Amino acid sequence: MTRSISLILFLGLILCEQGFSQNFSSYQKFVPQNYSLKQALADSASEKKVYPEPKMVLRRSLIIPGWGQVTNKQAWKVPIVYGLLGGLTYYSIYLHKNYHDYRAAFYNLNPDTPDDNRFGPTPGYIPENANLNSLRETRNFYRNRRDLVYVFIGLSYALNAIDAYVFAHLRPFDVSDDLSMNAKVRPGVLAIGNAEPVPSISLSLNF
């Protein structure tokens, strides 16, 4: 009795070993040789590092304009960002200077404002006999235009961050040339209830 039980256990172990070897050989067909658990973890970590985190890209764009575009591997956008910001900043400085000049001239040449040179001396290119209404309008024009340019600078700064953030979100999506769409138009006959059949056209889109 003991020998028969031992024989049965021995045969069971042989069958289990054969089944395990078959499963392992089939597993090896899909897993390359010398592929360890450490390497698998490293591969999964590298896949996560392919695309940067959108929040990180947003923070970088807010710290330094153009940094987010560099992180997204869109360095060609950096000259556009700095060209826009630089041009608007230079224009705002020009408007700010003219605003200060005409403000000083208006206060210095106005007899109702005895505190002359409150905003500095009158620039030499503004005549001493200039019309006060014209000086006031020119001063207000430069001030309003300067404030508007300040708004455009803020919008450009925000647009730089939004562009980098949105591209970081959309980058993982498949936009390769393999994407295609097939449209098929088929004539047919449509019958509703007891009404007479009428000709119809069906349109099917396959992505």
C-alpha atoms as a PDB file:
ATOM      1  CA  MET A   1       0.000   0.000   0.000  1.00  0.00           C
ATOM      2  CA  THR A   2       2.813   2.393   0.893  1.00  0.00           C
ATOM      3  CA  ARG A   3       4.664   1.601  -2.333  1.00  0.00           C
ATOM      4  CA  SER A   4       1.571   2.324  -4.444  1.00  0.00           C
ATOM      5  CA  ILE A   5       1.066   5.694  -2.743  1.00  0.00           C
ATOM      6  CA  SER A   6       4.721   6.608  -3.290  1.00  0.00           C
ATOM      7  CA  LEU A   7       4.460   5.611  -6.952  1.00  0.00           C
ATOM      8  CA  ILE A   8       1.362   7.791  -7.424  1.00  0.00           C
ATOM      9  CA  LEU A   9       3.101  10.797  -5.812  1.00  0.00           C
ATOM     10  CA  PHE A  10       6.178  10.262  -7.986  1.00  0.00           C
ATOM     11  CA  LEU A  11       4.094  10.177 -11.172  1.00  0.00           C
ATOM     12  CA  GLY A  12       2.229  13.325 -10.070  1.00  0.00           C
ATOM     13  CA  LEU A  13       5.486  15.203  -9.536  1.00  0.00           C
ATOM     14  CA  ILE A  14       6.702  14.204 -13.003  1.00  0.00           C
ATOM     15  CA  LEU A  15       3.476  15.456 -14.627  1.00  0.00           C
ATOM     16  CA  CYS A  16       3.647  18.759 -12.701  1.00  0.00           C
ATOM     17  CA  GLU A  17       7.242  19.247 -13.751  1.00  0.00           C
ATOM     18  CA  GLN A  18       6.413  18.623 -17.404  1.00  0.00           C
ATOM     19  CA  GLY A  19       3.503  21.066 -17.270  1.00  0.00           C
ATOM     20  CA  PHE A  20       5.650  23.750 -15.657  1.00  0.00           C
ATOM     21  CA  SER A  21       8.395  23.260 -18.245  1.00  0.00           C
ATOM     22  CA  GLN A  22       5.867  23.617 -21.085  1.00  0.00           C
ATOM     23  CA  ASN A  23       4.382  26.785 -19.591  1.00  0.00           C
ATOM     24  CA  PHE A  24       7.822  28.246 -18.995  1.00  0.00           C
ATOM     25  CA  SER A  25       8.909  27.483 -22.554  1.00  0.00           C
ATOM     26  CA  SER A  26       5.781  29.190 -23.924  1.00  0.00           C
ATOM     27  CA  TYR A  27       6.458  32.177 -21.640  1.00  0.00           C
ATOM     28  CA  GLN A  28       9.996  32.430 -22.992  1.00  0.00           C
ATOM     29  CA  LYS A  29       8.640  32.941 -26.500  1.00  0.00           C
ATOM     30  CA  PHE A  30       7.269  36.347 -25.448  1.00  0.00           C
ATOM     31  CA  VAL A  31       9.959  37.399 -22.967  1.00  0.00           C
ATOM     32  CA  PRO A  32      13.506  37.873 -24.262  1.00  0.00           C
ATOM     33  CA  GLN A  33      16.383  36.077 -22.660  1.00  0.00           C
ATOM     34  CA  ASN A  34      18.253  37.637 -19.728  1.00  0.00           C
ATOM     35  CA  TYR A  35      15.208  39.819 -18.975  1.00  0.00           C
ATOM     36  CA  SER A  36      15.154  40.472 -15.241  1.00  0.00           C
ATOM     37  CA  LEU A  37      12.624  42.134 -12.957  1.00  0.00           C
ATOM     38  CA  LYS A  38      14.969  45.082 -12.444  1.00  0.00           C
ATOM     39  CA  GLN A  39      15.126  45.638 -16.194  1.00  0.00           C
ATOM     40  CA  ALA A  40      11.335  45.458 -16.450  1.00  0.00           C
ATOM     41  CA  LEU A  41      10.968  48.136 -13.777  1.00  0.00           C
ATOM     42  CA  ALA A  42      13.559  50.281 -15.535  1.00  0.00           C
ATOM     43  CA  ASP A  43      11.677  49.963 -18.834  1.00  0.00           C
ATOM     44  CA  SER A  44       8.397  50.980 -17.234  1.00  0.00           C
ATOM     45  CA  ALA A  45      10.078  53.955 -15.585  1.00  0.00           C
ATOM     46  CA  SER A  46      11.626  55.039 -18.890  1.00  0.00           C
ATOM     47  CA  GLU A  47       8.211  54.899 -20.576  1.00  0.00           C
ATOM     48  CA  LYS A  48       6.857  57.301 -17.960  1.00  0.00           C
ATOM     49  CA  LYS A  49       9.718  59.693 -18.614  1.00  0.00           C
ATOM     50  CA  VAL A  50       9.014  59.920 -22.340  1.00  0.00           C
ATOM     51  CA  TYR A  51       6.487  62.723 -21.862  1.00  0.00           C
ATOM     52  CA  PRO A  52       6.977  65.449 -19.238  1.00  0.00           C
ATOM     53  CA  GLU A  53       4.357  66.203 -16.623  1.00  0.00           C
ATOM     54  CA  PRO A  54       2.037  69.028 -17.757  1.00  0.00           C
ATOM     55  CA  LYS A  55       2.128  70.669 -14.312  1.00  0.00           C
ATOM     56  CA  MET A  56       5.912  70.716 -14.348  1.00  0.00           C
ATOM     57  CA  VAL A  57       5.872  72.255 -17.830  1.00  0.00           C
ATOM     58  CA  LEU A  58       3.427  74.910 -16.625  1.00  0.00           C
ATOM     59  CA  ARG A  59       5.603  75.822 -13.647  1.00  0.00           C
ATOM     60  CA  ARG A  60       8.681  76.129 -15.825  1.00  0.00           C
ATOM     61  CA  SER A  61       6.866  78.361 -18.298  1.00  0.00           C
ATOM     62  CA  LEU A  62       5.734  80.645 -15.486  1.00  0.00           C
ATOM     63  CA  ILE A  63       9.245  80.854 -14.041  1.00  0.00           C
ATOM     64  CA  ILE A  64      11.088  81.469 -17.319  1.00  0.00           C
ATOM     65  CA  PRO A  65       9.148  82.095 -20.555  1.00  0.00           C
ATOM     66  CA  GLY A  66      10.115  79.509 -23.152  1.00  0.00           C
ATOM     67  CA  TRP A  67      11.367  76.937 -20.657  1.00  0.00           C
ATOM     68  CA  GLY A  68       8.191  74.895 -21.063  1.00  0.00           C
ATOM     69  CA  GLN A  69       8.600  74.864 -24.847  1.00  0.00           C
ATOM     70  CA  VAL A  70      12.164  73.593 -24.447  1.00  0.00           C
ATOM     71  CA  THR A  71      10.893  70.850 -22.112  1.00  0.00           C
ATOM     72  CA  ASN A  72       8.316  69.880 -24.740  1.00  0.00           C
ATOM     73  CA  LYS A  73      11.120  69.721 -27.338  1.00  0.00           C
ATOM     74  CA  GLN A  74       9.695  72.720 -29.188  1.00  0.00           C
ATOM     75  CA  ALA A  75      12.694  75.015 -28.977  1.00  0.00           C
ATOM     76  CA  TRP A  76      11.705  76.648 -32.278  1.00  0.00           C
ATOM     77  CA  LYS A  77       8.939  78.464 -30.385  1.00  0.00           C
ATOM     78  CA  VAL A  78      11.365  80.185 -28.005  1.00  0.00           C
ATOM     79  CA  PRO A  79      12.375  82.958 -30.474  1.00  0.00           C
ATOM     80  CA  ILE A  80       8.680  83.639 -31.103  1.00  0.00           C
ATOM     81  CA  VAL A  81       7.974  83.924 -27.375  1.00  0.00           C
ATOM     82  CA  TYR A  82      10.891  86.256 -26.695  1.00  0.00           C
ATOM     83  CA  GLY A  83      10.318  88.219 -29.886  1.00  0.00           C
ATOM     84  CA  LEU A  84       6.725  88.923 -28.864  1.00  0.00           C
ATOM     85  CA  LEU A  85       7.547  89.737 -25.241  1.00  0.00           C
ATOM     86  CA  GLY A  86      10.631  91.747 -26.194  1.00  0.00           C
ATOM     87  CA  GLY A  87       8.811  93.770 -28.831  1.00  0.00           C
ATOM     88  CA  LEU A  88       5.919  94.604 -26.541  1.00  0.00           C
ATOM     89  CA  THR A  89       8.278  95.491 -23.691  1.00  0.00           C
ATOM     90  CA  TYR A  90      10.326  97.813 -25.896  1.00  0.00           C
ATOM     91  CA  TYR A  91       7.168  99.502 -27.174  1.00  0.00           C
ATOM     92  CA  SER A  92       5.876  99.973 -23.615  1.00  0.00           C
ATOM     93  CA  ILE A  93       9.164 101.645 -22.605  1.00  0.00           C
ATOM     94  CA  TYR A  94       8.864 104.012 -25.577  1.00  0.00           C
ATOM     95  CA  LEU A  95       5.278 104.904 -24.658  1.00  0.00           C
ATOM     96  CA  HIS A  96       6.157 105.313 -20.979  1.00  0.00           C
ATOM     97  CA  LYS A  97       8.959 107.747 -21.797  1.00  0.00           C
ATOM     98  CA  ASN A  98       6.740 109.873 -24.056  1.00  0.00           C
ATOM     99  CA  TYR A  99       4.007 109.859 -21.439  1.00  0.00           C
ATOM    100  CA  HIS A 100       6.421 111.231 -18.825  1.00  0.00           C
ATOM    101  CA  ASP A 101       7.697 113.886 -21.241  1.00  0.00           C
ATOM    102  CA  TYR A 102       4.265 115.220 -22.123  1.00  0.00           C
ATOM    103  CA  ARG A 103       3.075 115.015 -18.545  1.00  0.00           C
ATOM    104  CA  ALA A 104       6.034 117.150 -17.426  1.00  0.00           C
ATOM    105  CA  ALA A 105       5.429 119.618 -20.265  1.00  0.00           C
ATOM    106  CA  PHE A 106       1.736 119.890 -19.433  1.00  0.00           C
ATOM    107  CA  TYR A 107       2.366 120.678 -15.768  1.00  0.00           C
ATOM    108  CA  ASN A 108       5.263 123.052 -16.461  1.00  0.00           C
ATOM    109  CA  LEU A 109       3.453 125.083 -19.128  1.00  0.00           C
ATOM    110  CA  ASN A 110       0.077 125.159 -17.373  1.00  0.00           C
ATOM    111  CA  PRO A 111      -0.409 128.408 -15.420  1.00  0.00           C
ATOM    112  CA  ASP A 112      -2.867 126.676 -13.086  1.00  0.00           C
ATOM    113  CA  THR A 113      -0.148 124.351 -11.776  1.00  0.00           C
ATOM    114  CA  PRO A 114       2.406 126.480  -9.922  1.00  0.00           C
ATOM    115  CA  ASP A 115       4.497 123.462  -8.921  1.00  0.00           C
ATOM    116  CA  ASP A 116       6.703 123.578 -12.021  1.00  0.00           C
ATOM    117  CA  ASN A 117       9.235 120.808 -12.604  1.00  0.00           C
ATOM    118  CA  ARG A 118       7.152 118.506 -10.431  1.00  0.00           C
ATOM    119  CA  PHE A 119       7.639 115.751 -12.993  1.00  0.00           C
ATOM    120  CA  GLY A 120      10.971 117.000 -14.322  1.00  0.00           C
ATOM    121  CA  PRO A 121      11.963 119.674 -16.846  1.00  0.00           C
ATOM    122  CA  THR A 122      10.178 120.155 -20.155  1.00  0.00           C
ATOM    123  CA  PRO A 123      11.887 118.170 -22.949  1.00  0.00           C
ATOM    124  CA  GLY A 124      13.574 120.272 -25.580  1.00  0.00           C
ATOM    125  CA  TYR A 125      11.585 118.832 -28.484  1.00  0.00           C
ATOM    126  CA  ILE A 126       8.294 120.185 -27.018  1.00  0.00           C
ATOM    127  CA  PRO A 127       7.843 123.903 -27.823  1.00  0.00           C
ATOM    128  CA  GLU A 128       7.264 126.366 -24.974  1.00  0.00           C
ATOM    129  CA  ASN A 129       4.143 127.768 -26.631  1.00  0.00           C
ATOM    130  CA  ALA A 130       2.434 124.395 -27.172  1.00  0.00           C
ATOM    131  CA  ASN A 131      -1.319 124.205 -26.772  1.00  0.00           C
ATOM    132  CA  LEU A 132      -2.327 122.862 -23.348  1.00  0.00           C
ATOM    133  CA  ASN A 133      -5.273 120.872 -24.709  1.00  0.00           C
ATOM    134  CA  SER A 134      -2.999 119.236 -27.270  1.00  0.00           C
ATOM    135  CA  LEU A 135      -0.483 118.409 -24.537  1.00  0.00           C
ATOM    136  CA  ARG A 136      -3.215 116.891 -22.389  1.00  0.00           C
ATOM    137  CA  GLU A 137      -4.576 114.747 -25.224  1.00  0.00           C
ATOM    138  CA  THR A 138      -1.108 113.563 -26.222  1.00  0.00           C
ATOM    139  CA  ARG A 139      -0.279 112.737 -22.609  1.00  0.00           C
ATOM    140  CA  ASN A 140      -3.505 110.743 -22.204  1.00  0.00           C
ATOM    141  CA  PHE A 141      -2.923 108.968 -25.520  1.00  0.00           C
ATOM    142  CA  TYR A 142       0.521 107.719 -24.501  1.00  0.00           C
ATOM    143  CA  ARG A 143      -0.729 106.711 -21.060  1.00  0.00           C
ATOM    144  CA  ASN A 144      -3.692 104.726 -22.390  1.00  0.00           C
ATOM    145  CA  ARG A 145      -1.626 103.086 -25.107  1.00  0.00           C
ATOM    146  CA  ARG A 146       1.059 102.147 -22.565  1.00  0.00           C
ATOM    147  CA  ASP A 147      -1.522 100.563 -20.237  1.00  0.00           C
ATOM    148  CA  LEU A 148      -2.968  98.594 -23.144  1.00  0.00           C
ATOM    149  CA  VAL A 149       0.469  97.272 -24.063  1.00  0.00           C
ATOM    150  CA  TYR A 150       0.947  96.201 -20.436  1.00  0.00           C
ATOM    151  CA  VAL A 151      -2.202  94.101 -20.803  1.00  0.00           C
ATOM    152  CA  PHE A 152      -0.837  92.538 -24.010  1.00  0.00           C
ATOM    153  CA  ILE A 153       2.427  91.701 -22.224  1.00  0.00           C
ATOM    154  CA  GLY A 154       0.478  89.886 -19.506  1.00  0.00           C
ATOM    155  CA  LEU A 155      -1.589  88.015 -22.072  1.00  0.00           C
ATOM    156  CA  SER A 156       1.528  87.007 -24.009  1.00  0.00           C
ATOM    157  CA  TYR A 157       3.145  85.736 -20.815  1.00  0.00           C
ATOM    158  CA  ALA A 158       0.027  83.720 -19.992  1.00  0.00           C
ATOM    159  CA  LEU A 159      -0.238  82.444 -23.582  1.00  0.00           C
ATOM    160  CA  ASN A 160       3.321  81.168 -23.380  1.00  0.00           C
ATOM    161  CA  ALA A 161       2.422  79.077 -20.315  1.00  0.00           C
ATOM    162  CA  ILE A 162      -0.912  77.893 -21.746  1.00  0.00           C
ATOM    163  CA  ASP A 163       0.698  76.808 -25.019  1.00  0.00           C
ATOM    164  CA  ALA A 164       3.310  74.703 -23.221  1.00  0.00           C
ATOM    165  CA  TYR A 165       0.733  73.224 -20.823  1.00  0.00           C
ATOM    166  CA  VAL A 166      -1.763  72.257 -23.539  1.00  0.00           C
ATOM    167  CA  PHE A 167       0.930  70.734 -25.766  1.00  0.00           C
ATOM    168  CA  ALA A 168       2.227  68.672 -22.829  1.00  0.00           C
ATOM    169  CA  HIS A 169      -1.315  67.326 -22.364  1.00  0.00           C
ATOM    170  CA  LEU A 170      -1.883  66.538 -26.049  1.00  0.00           C
ATOM    171  CA  ARG A 171       1.577  65.168 -26.762  1.00  0.00           C
ATOM    172  CA  PRO A 172       0.809  61.522 -25.756  1.00  0.00           C
ATOM    173  CA  PHE A 173      -2.035  61.328 -28.288  1.00  0.00           C
ATOM    174  CA  ASP A 174      -1.344  59.547 -31.560  1.00  0.00           C
ATOM    175  CA  VAL A 175      -1.065  62.066 -34.381  1.00  0.00           C
ATOM    176  CA  SER A 176       1.033  59.952 -36.732  1.00  0.00           C
ATOM    177  CA  ASP A 177       0.465  59.502 -40.460  1.00  0.00           C
ATOM    178  CA  ASP A 178      -1.141  56.107 -39.810  1.00  0.00           C
ATOM    179  CA  LEU A 179      -4.386  57.782 -38.781  1.00  0.00           C
ATOM    180  CA  SER A 180      -6.893  57.676 -41.605  1.00  0.00           C
ATOM    181  CA  MET A 181     -10.596  57.919 -42.246  1.00  0.00           C
ATOM    182  CA  ASN A 182     -12.614  56.104 -44.876  1.00  0.00           C
ATOM    183  CA  ALA A 183     -15.994  57.382 -45.960  1.00  0.00           C
ATOM    184  CA  LYS A 184     -18.454  55.239 -47.872  1.00  0.00           C
ATOM    185  CA  VAL A 185     -21.679  56.430 -49.469  1.00  0.00           C
ATOM    186  CA  ARG A 186     -24.267  53.782 -50.294  1.00  0.00           C
ATOM    187  CA  PRO A 187     -27.668  54.247 -51.920  1.00  0.00           C
ATOM    188  CA  GLY A 188     -30.611  52.409 -50.470  1.00  0.00           C
ATOM    189  CA  VAL A 189     -34.337  52.343 -49.852  1.00  0.00           C
ATOM    190  CA  LEU A 190     -35.956  53.610 -46.668  1.00  0.00           C
ATOM    191  CA  ALA A 191     -39.332  52.340 -45.537  1.00  0.00           C
ATOM    192  CA  ILE A 192     -41.025  53.696 -42.402  1.00  0.00           C
ATOM    193  CA  GLY A 193     -44.223  52.022 -41.229  1.00  0.00           C
ATOM    194  CA  ASN A 194     -46.851  51.653 -43.897  1.00  0.00           C
ATOM    195  CA  ALA A 195     -45.465  54.491 -45.992  1.00  0.00           C
ATOM    196  CA  GLU A 196     -44.109  53.899 -49.445  1.00  0.00           C
ATOM    197  CA  PRO A 197     -40.358  53.222 -49.668  1.00  0.00           C
ATOM    198  CA  VAL A 198     -38.279  56.220 -50.641  1.00  0.00           C
ATOM    199  CA  PRO A 199     -34.722  56.350 -51.980  1.00  0.00           C
ATOM    200  CA  SER A 200     -32.061  57.079 -49.367  1.00  0.00           C
ATOM    201  CA  ILE A 201     -28.315  57.499 -49.059  1.00  0.00           C
ATOM    202  CA  SER A 202     -26.275  56.149 -46.131  1.00  0.00           C
ATOM    203  CA  LEU A 203     -22.891  57.527 -45.118  1.00  0.00           C
ATOM    204  CA  SER A 204     -20.459  55.427 -43.031  1.00  0.00           C
ATOM    205  CA  LEU A 205     -17.190  56.683 -41.568  1.00  0.00           C
ATOM    206  CA  ASN A 206     -14.460  54.263 -40.548  1.00  0.00           C
ATOM    207  CA  PHE A 207     -11.504  55.559 -38.517  1.00  0.00           C
END
